[in-house]
Amino acid sequence: MYFLNKDHAHNFQNVILHDKTHPGDTERMALFYILGGNEDLFMKCKHIYDFKNHEINPEVLTSVEIDLCSSSKALVRLSYNLFNGYEDEYTTPRDLFYNLDRKNFLIAKGGMEMRFGIYIEKQVAEKMDEKMEIEFL
């Protein structure tokens, strides 16, 4: 598992322990990986996720009380989508990735890898090494 830095790993572990997340719950792990990787989201974690009821809080995306920049909102939407398929009018690949800087893109990528249990770079490299038969019509 790849973490951006020690804080990311520490934040992730703290949230997992606080929620008592089962190690096989890749949906929740992906959510917490993303929230733990972004300091702003980690500080607002209790507003984004209800630890008592173990559920997301989509109202945070439209709340005027919790200030989230466009990049943070995109990461929250992605984490919600990876968690339970959450969708709204802004949950398209273009909307989700358009405002992400390199660091937040790496967080998003890591969350997707965690959710689906695959490592995209490794798969692409393996397929590139395979000989492909091409048939022209």
N, C-alpha and C. Protein backbone atom coordinates (compact mmCIF):
# COMPACT_ATOMS: atom_id res chain seq x y z
N MET A 1 0.86 -1.18 0.00
CA MET A 1 0.00 0.00 0.00
C MET A 1 0.90 1.23 0.00
N TYR A 2 0.60 2.18 -0.86
CA TYR A 2 1.40 3.39 -1.01
C TYR A 2 0.75 4.54 -0.25
N PHE A 3 1.53 5.21 0.58
CA PHE A 3 1.09 6.42 1.27
C PHE A 3 1.97 7.58 0.83
N LEU A 4 1.39 8.77 0.78
CA LEU A 4 2.14 9.94 0.35
C LEU A 4 3.27 10.28 1.32
N ASN A 5 3.01 10.08 2.60
CA ASN A 5 3.99 10.40 3.63
C ASN A 5 3.56 9.74 4.95
N LYS A 6 4.32 9.96 5.99
CA LYS A 6 4.01 9.35 7.29
C LYS A 6 2.69 9.85 7.85
N ASP A 7 2.37 11.13 7.63
CA ASP A 7 1.09 11.68 8.12
C ASP A 7 -0.09 10.96 7.47
N HIS A 8 0.01 10.70 6.18
CA HIS A 8 -1.06 10.00 5.47
C HIS A 8 -1.28 8.62 6.08
N ALA A 9 -0.19 7.87 6.28
CA ALA A 9 -0.30 6.54 6.87
C ALA A 9 -0.87 6.61 8.28
N HIS A 10 -0.42 7.59 9.05
CA HIS A 10 -0.88 7.76 10.42
C HIS A 10 -2.37 8.13 10.46
N ASN A 11 -2.77 9.08 9.62
CA ASN A 11 -4.18 9.49 9.55
C ASN A 11 -5.07 8.32 9.16
N PHE A 12 -4.65 7.58 8.15
CA PHE A 12 -5.40 6.42 7.68
C PHE A 12 -5.59 5.41 8.81
N GLN A 13 -4.51 5.09 9.48
CA GLN A 13 -4.57 4.11 10.57
C GLN A 13 -5.48 4.60 11.70
N ASN A 14 -5.39 5.88 12.04
CA ASN A 14 -6.24 6.42 13.11
C ASN A 14 -7.72 6.31 12.76
N VAL A 15 -8.08 6.64 11.53
CA VAL A 15 -9.48 6.59 11.13
C VAL A 15 -9.98 5.15 11.09
N ILE A 16 -9.15 4.24 10.58
CA ILE A 16 -9.51 2.82 10.52
C ILE A 16 -9.76 2.29 11.94
N LEU A 17 -8.88 2.64 12.86
CA LEU A 17 -9.04 2.17 14.24
C LEU A 17 -10.25 2.81 14.91
N HIS A 18 -10.46 4.09 14.66
CA HIS A 18 -11.62 4.79 15.25
C HIS A 18 -12.94 4.17 14.78
N ASP A 19 -12.99 3.81 13.52
CA ASP A 19 -14.21 3.23 12.95
C ASP A 19 -14.31 1.72 13.21
N LYS A 20 -13.20 1.11 13.59
CA LYS A 20 -13.14 -0.36 13.77
C LYS A 20 -13.46 -1.06 12.44
N THR A 21 -12.86 -0.56 11.39
CA THR A 21 -13.10 -1.07 10.05
C THR A 21 -12.50 -2.47 9.87
N HIS A 22 -13.28 -3.37 9.30
CA HIS A 22 -12.82 -4.72 9.00
C HIS A 22 -11.78 -4.64 7.88
N PRO A 23 -10.68 -5.38 7.98
CA PRO A 23 -9.64 -5.33 6.94
C PRO A 23 -10.12 -5.68 5.54
N GLY A 24 -11.19 -6.43 5.41
CA GLY A 24 -11.71 -6.79 4.10
C GLY A 24 -12.69 -5.79 3.51
N ASP A 25 -12.98 -4.74 4.25
CA ASP A 25 -13.94 -3.73 3.80
C ASP A 25 -13.23 -2.71 2.91
N THR A 26 -13.01 -3.11 1.66
CA THR A 26 -12.24 -2.26 0.75
C THR A 26 -12.97 -0.96 0.41
N GLU A 27 -14.28 -0.97 0.47
CA GLU A 27 -15.05 0.24 0.18
C GLU A 27 -14.75 1.32 1.23
N ARG A 28 -14.83 0.93 2.49
CA ARG A 28 -14.58 1.88 3.58
C ARG A 28 -13.10 2.24 3.66
N MET A 29 -12.23 1.26 3.38
CA MET A 29 -10.79 1.52 3.40
C MET A 29 -10.42 2.57 2.34
N ALA A 30 -11.02 2.47 1.16
CA ALA A 30 -10.75 3.45 0.10
C ALA A 30 -11.22 4.84 0.54
N LEU A 31 -12.39 4.91 1.13
CA LEU A 31 -12.92 6.17 1.66
C LEU A 31 -11.93 6.78 2.64
N PHE A 32 -11.48 5.99 3.60
CA PHE A 32 -10.57 6.50 4.63
C PHE A 32 -9.17 6.78 4.10
N TYR A 33 -8.74 6.05 3.08
CA TYR A 33 -7.45 6.32 2.45
C TYR A 33 -7.46 7.73 1.86
N ILE A 34 -8.55 8.06 1.17
CA ILE A 34 -8.66 9.38 0.55
C ILE A 34 -8.76 10.47 1.62
N LEU A 35 -9.62 10.26 2.61
CA LEU A 35 -9.78 11.27 3.66
C LEU A 35 -8.49 11.46 4.45
N GLY A 36 -7.75 10.40 4.68
CA GLY A 36 -6.51 10.48 5.44
C GLY A 36 -5.37 11.12 4.67
N GLY A 37 -5.44 11.11 3.36
CA GLY A 37 -4.37 11.65 2.53
C GLY A 37 -4.42 13.15 2.32
N ASN A 38 -5.56 13.74 2.56
CA ASN A 38 -5.74 15.18 2.37
C ASN A 38 -5.95 15.81 3.75
N GLU A 39 -5.06 16.66 4.16
CA GLU A 39 -5.10 17.22 5.52
C GLU A 39 -6.40 17.96 5.80
N ASP A 40 -6.90 18.72 4.83
CA ASP A 40 -8.16 19.44 5.01
C ASP A 40 -9.31 18.47 5.26
N LEU A 41 -9.37 17.40 4.48
CA LEU A 41 -10.44 16.41 4.66
C LEU A 41 -10.28 15.65 5.97
N PHE A 42 -9.04 15.35 6.33
CA PHE A 42 -8.82 14.64 7.58
C PHE A 42 -9.30 15.49 8.77
N MET A 43 -9.05 16.78 8.73
CA MET A 43 -9.48 17.67 9.82
C MET A 43 -11.01 17.78 9.88
N LYS A 44 -11.68 17.56 8.76
CA LYS A 44 -13.15 17.67 8.69
C LYS A 44 -13.82 16.30 8.60
N CYS A 45 -13.06 15.27 8.90
CA CYS A 45 -13.52 13.88 8.74
C CYS A 45 -14.83 13.59 9.47
N LYS A 46 -14.99 14.12 10.67
CA LYS A 46 -16.21 13.83 11.45
C LYS A 46 -17.46 14.45 10.81
N HIS A 47 -17.28 15.43 9.93
CA HIS A 47 -18.41 16.02 9.21
C HIS A 47 -18.70 15.26 7.92
N ILE A 48 -17.67 14.61 7.39
CA ILE A 48 -17.78 13.90 6.12
C ILE A 48 -18.31 12.48 6.32
N TYR A 49 -17.97 11.88 7.46
CA TYR A 49 -18.36 10.50 7.76
C TYR A 49 -18.90 10.44 9.19
N ASP A 50 -20.03 9.78 9.35
CA ASP A 50 -20.67 9.62 10.66
C ASP A 50 -20.13 8.32 11.29
N PHE A 51 -19.21 8.47 12.23
CA PHE A 51 -18.58 7.31 12.86
C PHE A 51 -19.54 6.54 13.75
N LYS A 52 -20.52 7.20 14.29
CA LYS A 52 -21.50 6.53 15.16
C LYS A 52 -22.36 5.55 14.37
N ASN A 53 -22.85 6.01 13.22
CA ASN A 53 -23.73 5.18 12.39
C ASN A 53 -23.00 4.49 11.25
N HIS A 54 -21.70 4.75 11.13
CA HIS A 54 -20.85 4.14 10.09
C HIS A 54 -21.40 4.41 8.68
N GLU A 55 -21.65 5.69 8.40
CA GLU A 55 -22.19 6.05 7.09
C GLU A 55 -21.66 7.41 6.65
N ILE A 56 -21.74 7.64 5.35
CA ILE A 56 -21.29 8.92 4.80
C ILE A 56 -22.33 10.01 5.08
N ASN A 57 -21.89 11.26 4.96
CA ASN A 57 -22.77 12.41 5.17
C ASN A 57 -22.74 13.29 3.92
N PRO A 58 -23.49 12.93 2.87
CA PRO A 58 -23.45 13.69 1.62
C PRO A 58 -23.87 15.16 1.76
N GLU A 59 -24.59 15.49 2.82
CA GLU A 59 -25.01 16.88 3.02
C GLU A 59 -23.82 17.82 3.17
N VAL A 60 -22.67 17.27 3.53
CA VAL A 60 -21.48 18.11 3.71
C VAL A 60 -21.08 18.79 2.40
N LEU A 61 -21.44 18.18 1.28
CA LEU A 61 -21.07 18.74 -0.02
C LEU A 61 -21.81 20.03 -0.35
N THR A 62 -22.96 20.24 0.26
CA THR A 62 -23.75 21.45 0.00
C THR A 62 -23.87 22.35 1.24
N SER A 63 -23.28 21.93 2.33
CA SER A 63 -23.36 22.69 3.57
C SER A 63 -22.56 23.98 3.48
N VAL A 64 -23.12 25.05 3.99
CA VAL A 64 -22.39 26.32 4.05
C VAL A 64 -21.56 26.40 5.33
N GLU A 65 -21.81 25.51 6.26
CA GLU A 65 -21.09 25.50 7.54
C GLU A 65 -19.71 24.86 7.42
N ILE A 66 -19.55 23.91 6.51
CA ILE A 66 -18.27 23.22 6.32
C ILE A 66 -17.69 23.69 4.99
N ASP A 67 -16.55 24.36 5.06
CA ASP A 67 -15.92 24.93 3.88
C ASP A 67 -15.04 23.89 3.20
N LEU A 68 -15.41 23.51 2.00
CA LEU A 68 -14.62 22.59 1.20
C LEU A 68 -14.32 23.23 -0.15
N CYS A 69 -13.05 23.26 -0.53
CA CYS A 69 -12.69 23.79 -1.84
C CYS A 69 -13.10 22.79 -2.92
N SER A 70 -13.01 23.17 -4.16
CA SER A 70 -13.46 22.31 -5.26
C SER A 70 -12.66 21.00 -5.31
N SER A 71 -11.38 21.06 -5.02
CA SER A 71 -10.56 19.86 -5.01
C SER A 71 -10.99 18.91 -3.89
N SER A 72 -11.26 19.46 -2.72
CA SER A 72 -11.72 18.64 -1.59
C SER A 72 -13.07 18.02 -1.88
N LYS A 73 -13.97 18.79 -2.48
CA LYS A 73 -15.29 18.25 -2.83
C LYS A 73 -15.16 17.11 -3.83
N ALA A 74 -14.25 17.25 -4.79
CA ALA A 74 -14.05 16.19 -5.78
C ALA A 74 -13.55 14.92 -5.10
N LEU A 75 -12.63 15.06 -4.16
CA LEU A 75 -12.13 13.88 -3.45
C LEU A 75 -13.21 13.25 -2.58
N VAL A 76 -14.04 14.07 -1.95
CA VAL A 76 -15.14 13.53 -1.15
C VAL A 76 -16.11 12.78 -2.04
N ARG A 77 -16.48 13.35 -3.17
CA ARG A 77 -17.39 12.67 -4.10
C ARG A 77 -16.80 11.34 -4.58
N LEU A 78 -15.53 11.36 -4.92
CA LEU A 78 -14.88 10.12 -5.35
C LEU A 78 -14.89 9.09 -4.23
N SER A 79 -14.54 9.51 -3.03
CA SER A 79 -14.51 8.56 -1.91
C SER A 79 -15.90 8.01 -1.61
N TYR A 80 -16.92 8.85 -1.70
CA TYR A 80 -18.30 8.39 -1.51
C TYR A 80 -18.70 7.40 -2.61
N ASN A 81 -18.29 7.69 -3.84
CA ASN A 81 -18.63 6.81 -4.95
C ASN A 81 -17.95 5.46 -4.79
N LEU A 82 -16.69 5.45 -4.37
CA LEU A 82 -15.99 4.20 -4.14
C LEU A 82 -16.58 3.44 -2.97
N PHE A 83 -17.14 4.17 -2.00
CA PHE A 83 -17.72 3.55 -0.81
C PHE A 83 -19.04 2.86 -1.12
N ASN A 84 -19.96 3.59 -1.75
CA ASN A 84 -21.29 2.97 -1.95
C ASN A 84 -21.95 3.32 -3.29
N GLY A 85 -21.16 3.81 -4.24
CA GLY A 85 -21.73 4.13 -5.54
C GLY A 85 -22.42 5.48 -5.60
N TYR A 86 -22.20 6.32 -4.59
CA TYR A 86 -22.81 7.65 -4.54
C TYR A 86 -22.58 8.39 -5.85
N GLU A 87 -23.63 9.04 -6.32
CA GLU A 87 -23.54 9.87 -7.53
C GLU A 87 -24.36 11.13 -7.35
N ASP A 88 -23.88 12.19 -7.93
CA ASP A 88 -24.65 13.41 -8.07
C ASP A 88 -24.27 14.02 -9.42
N GLU A 89 -24.73 15.20 -9.70
CA GLU A 89 -24.47 15.79 -11.01
C GLU A 89 -23.00 16.11 -11.26
N TYR A 90 -22.17 16.08 -10.21
CA TYR A 90 -20.75 16.39 -10.35
C TYR A 90 -19.85 15.16 -10.23
N THR A 91 -20.45 13.97 -10.22
CA THR A 91 -19.67 12.75 -10.05
C THR A 91 -19.39 12.12 -11.41
N THR A 92 -18.73 12.88 -12.25
CA THR A 92 -18.28 12.36 -13.54
C THR A 92 -16.75 12.38 -13.50
N PRO A 93 -16.10 11.55 -14.28
CA PRO A 93 -14.63 11.57 -14.27
C PRO A 93 -14.06 12.97 -14.50
N ARG A 94 -14.63 13.69 -15.44
CA ARG A 94 -14.13 15.04 -15.73
C ARG A 94 -14.26 15.95 -14.53
N ASP A 95 -15.43 15.94 -13.90
CA ASP A 95 -15.65 16.80 -12.73
C ASP A 95 -14.77 16.37 -11.55
N LEU A 96 -14.59 15.06 -11.39
CA LEU A 96 -13.82 14.58 -10.25
C LEU A 96 -12.33 14.88 -10.38
N PHE A 97 -11.79 14.78 -11.56
CA PHE A 97 -10.34 14.91 -11.73
C PHE A 97 -9.87 16.27 -12.22
N TYR A 98 -10.77 17.10 -12.70
CA TYR A 98 -10.40 18.38 -13.30
C TYR A 98 -9.63 19.29 -12.34
N ASN A 99 -10.05 19.37 -11.10
CA ASN A 99 -9.45 20.31 -10.15
C ASN A 99 -8.38 19.71 -9.25
N LEU A 100 -7.99 18.48 -9.50
CA LEU A 100 -7.01 17.85 -8.62
C LEU A 100 -5.58 18.21 -9.01
N ASP A 101 -4.80 18.62 -8.01
CA ASP A 101 -3.38 18.81 -8.25
C ASP A 101 -2.70 17.44 -8.19
N ARG A 102 -1.40 17.40 -8.38
CA ARG A 102 -0.69 16.11 -8.43
C ARG A 102 -0.88 15.30 -7.15
N LYS A 103 -0.76 15.95 -6.01
CA LYS A 103 -0.88 15.24 -4.73
C LYS A 103 -2.28 14.63 -4.58
N ASN A 104 -3.31 15.42 -4.84
CA ASN A 104 -4.68 14.91 -4.71
C ASN A 104 -5.00 13.86 -5.77
N PHE A 105 -4.38 13.98 -6.95
CA PHE A 105 -4.56 12.95 -7.97
C PHE A 105 -3.98 11.62 -7.48
N LEU A 106 -2.81 11.67 -6.84
CA LEU A 106 -2.20 10.45 -6.31
C LEU A 106 -3.05 9.84 -5.21
N ILE A 107 -3.68 10.69 -4.40
CA ILE A 107 -4.59 10.20 -3.36
C ILE A 107 -5.78 9.51 -4.02
N ALA A 108 -6.35 10.13 -5.03
CA ALA A 108 -7.50 9.55 -5.74
C ALA A 108 -7.12 8.21 -6.37
N LYS A 109 -5.98 8.17 -7.02
CA LYS A 109 -5.50 6.94 -7.67
C LYS A 109 -5.30 5.83 -6.63
N GLY A 110 -4.69 6.17 -5.51
CA GLY A 110 -4.47 5.18 -4.46
C GLY A 110 -5.78 4.66 -3.88
N GLY A 111 -6.76 5.54 -3.74
CA GLY A 111 -8.07 5.12 -3.25
C GLY A 111 -8.75 4.15 -4.20
N MET A 112 -8.63 4.42 -5.49
CA MET A 112 -9.22 3.52 -6.48
C MET A 112 -8.51 2.17 -6.48
N GLU A 113 -7.19 2.20 -6.38
CA GLU A 113 -6.44 0.95 -6.33
C GLU A 113 -6.83 0.14 -5.10
N MET A 114 -6.99 0.82 -3.97
CA MET A 114 -7.37 0.12 -2.75
C MET A 114 -8.77 -0.47 -2.88
N ARG A 115 -9.69 0.29 -3.41
CA ARG A 115 -11.08 -0.16 -3.53
C ARG A 115 -11.21 -1.41 -4.39
N PHE A 116 -10.49 -1.42 -5.51
CA PHE A 116 -10.63 -2.53 -6.44
C PHE A 116 -9.56 -3.60 -6.28
N GLY A 117 -8.63 -3.38 -5.36
CA GLY A 117 -7.61 -4.38 -5.08
C GLY A 117 -6.68 -4.66 -6.23
N ILE A 118 -6.48 -3.66 -7.07
CA ILE A 118 -5.58 -3.83 -8.20
C ILE A 118 -4.61 -2.67 -8.24
N TYR A 119 -3.53 -2.90 -8.88
CA TYR A 119 -2.55 -1.84 -9.04
C TYR A 119 -2.44 -1.58 -10.53
N ILE A 120 -3.03 -0.49 -10.92
CA ILE A 120 -3.21 -0.15 -12.33
C ILE A 120 -1.89 -0.15 -13.09
N GLU A 121 -0.85 0.48 -12.54
CA GLU A 121 0.43 0.57 -13.24
C GLU A 121 0.99 -0.80 -13.54
N LYS A 122 0.89 -1.71 -12.58
CA LYS A 122 1.41 -3.06 -12.75
C LYS A 122 0.65 -3.79 -13.86
N GLN A 123 -0.66 -3.66 -13.87
CA GLN A 123 -1.47 -4.33 -14.90
C GLN A 123 -1.15 -3.80 -16.28
N VAL A 124 -1.03 -2.49 -16.41
CA VAL A 124 -0.74 -1.90 -17.71
C VAL A 124 0.62 -2.38 -18.19
N ALA A 125 1.61 -2.39 -17.29
CA ALA A 125 2.95 -2.84 -17.67
C ALA A 125 2.94 -4.29 -18.11
N GLU A 126 2.19 -5.14 -17.40
CA GLU A 126 2.12 -6.54 -17.76
C GLU A 126 1.48 -6.73 -19.14
N LYS A 127 0.42 -5.98 -19.41
CA LYS A 127 -0.26 -6.11 -20.70
C LYS A 127 0.62 -5.59 -21.83
N MET A 128 1.42 -4.58 -21.55
CA MET A 128 2.30 -4.03 -22.58
C MET A 128 3.38 -5.05 -22.95
N ASP A 129 3.78 -5.88 -21.99
CA ASP A 129 4.81 -6.88 -22.24
C ASP A 129 4.28 -8.08 -23.02
N GLU A 130 2.98 -8.32 -22.94
CA GLU A 130 2.38 -9.45 -23.65
C GLU A 130 2.43 -9.21 -25.15
N LYS A 131 2.66 -10.29 -25.89
CA LYS A 131 2.60 -10.17 -27.33
C LYS A 131 1.14 -10.17 -27.74
N MET A 132 0.81 -9.24 -28.57
CA MET A 132 -0.58 -9.12 -29.00
C MET A 132 -0.66 -9.49 -30.47
N GLU A 133 -1.67 -10.25 -30.78
CA GLU A 133 -1.92 -10.56 -32.18
C GLU A 133 -2.94 -9.55 -32.69
N ILE A 134 -2.56 -8.88 -33.75
CA ILE A 134 -3.42 -7.86 -34.34
C ILE A 134 -3.93 -8.36 -35.68
N GLU A 135 -5.20 -8.28 -35.83
CA GLU A 135 -5.81 -8.72 -37.08
C GLU A 135 -6.43 -7.51 -37.76
N PHE A 136 -6.03 -7.27 -38.98
CA PHE A 136 -6.59 -6.17 -39.75
C PHE A 136 -7.69 -6.70 -40.66
N LEU A 137 -8.77 -5.97 -40.69
CA LEU A 137 -9.88 -6.39 -41.56
C LEU A 137 -9.85 -5.66 -42.87
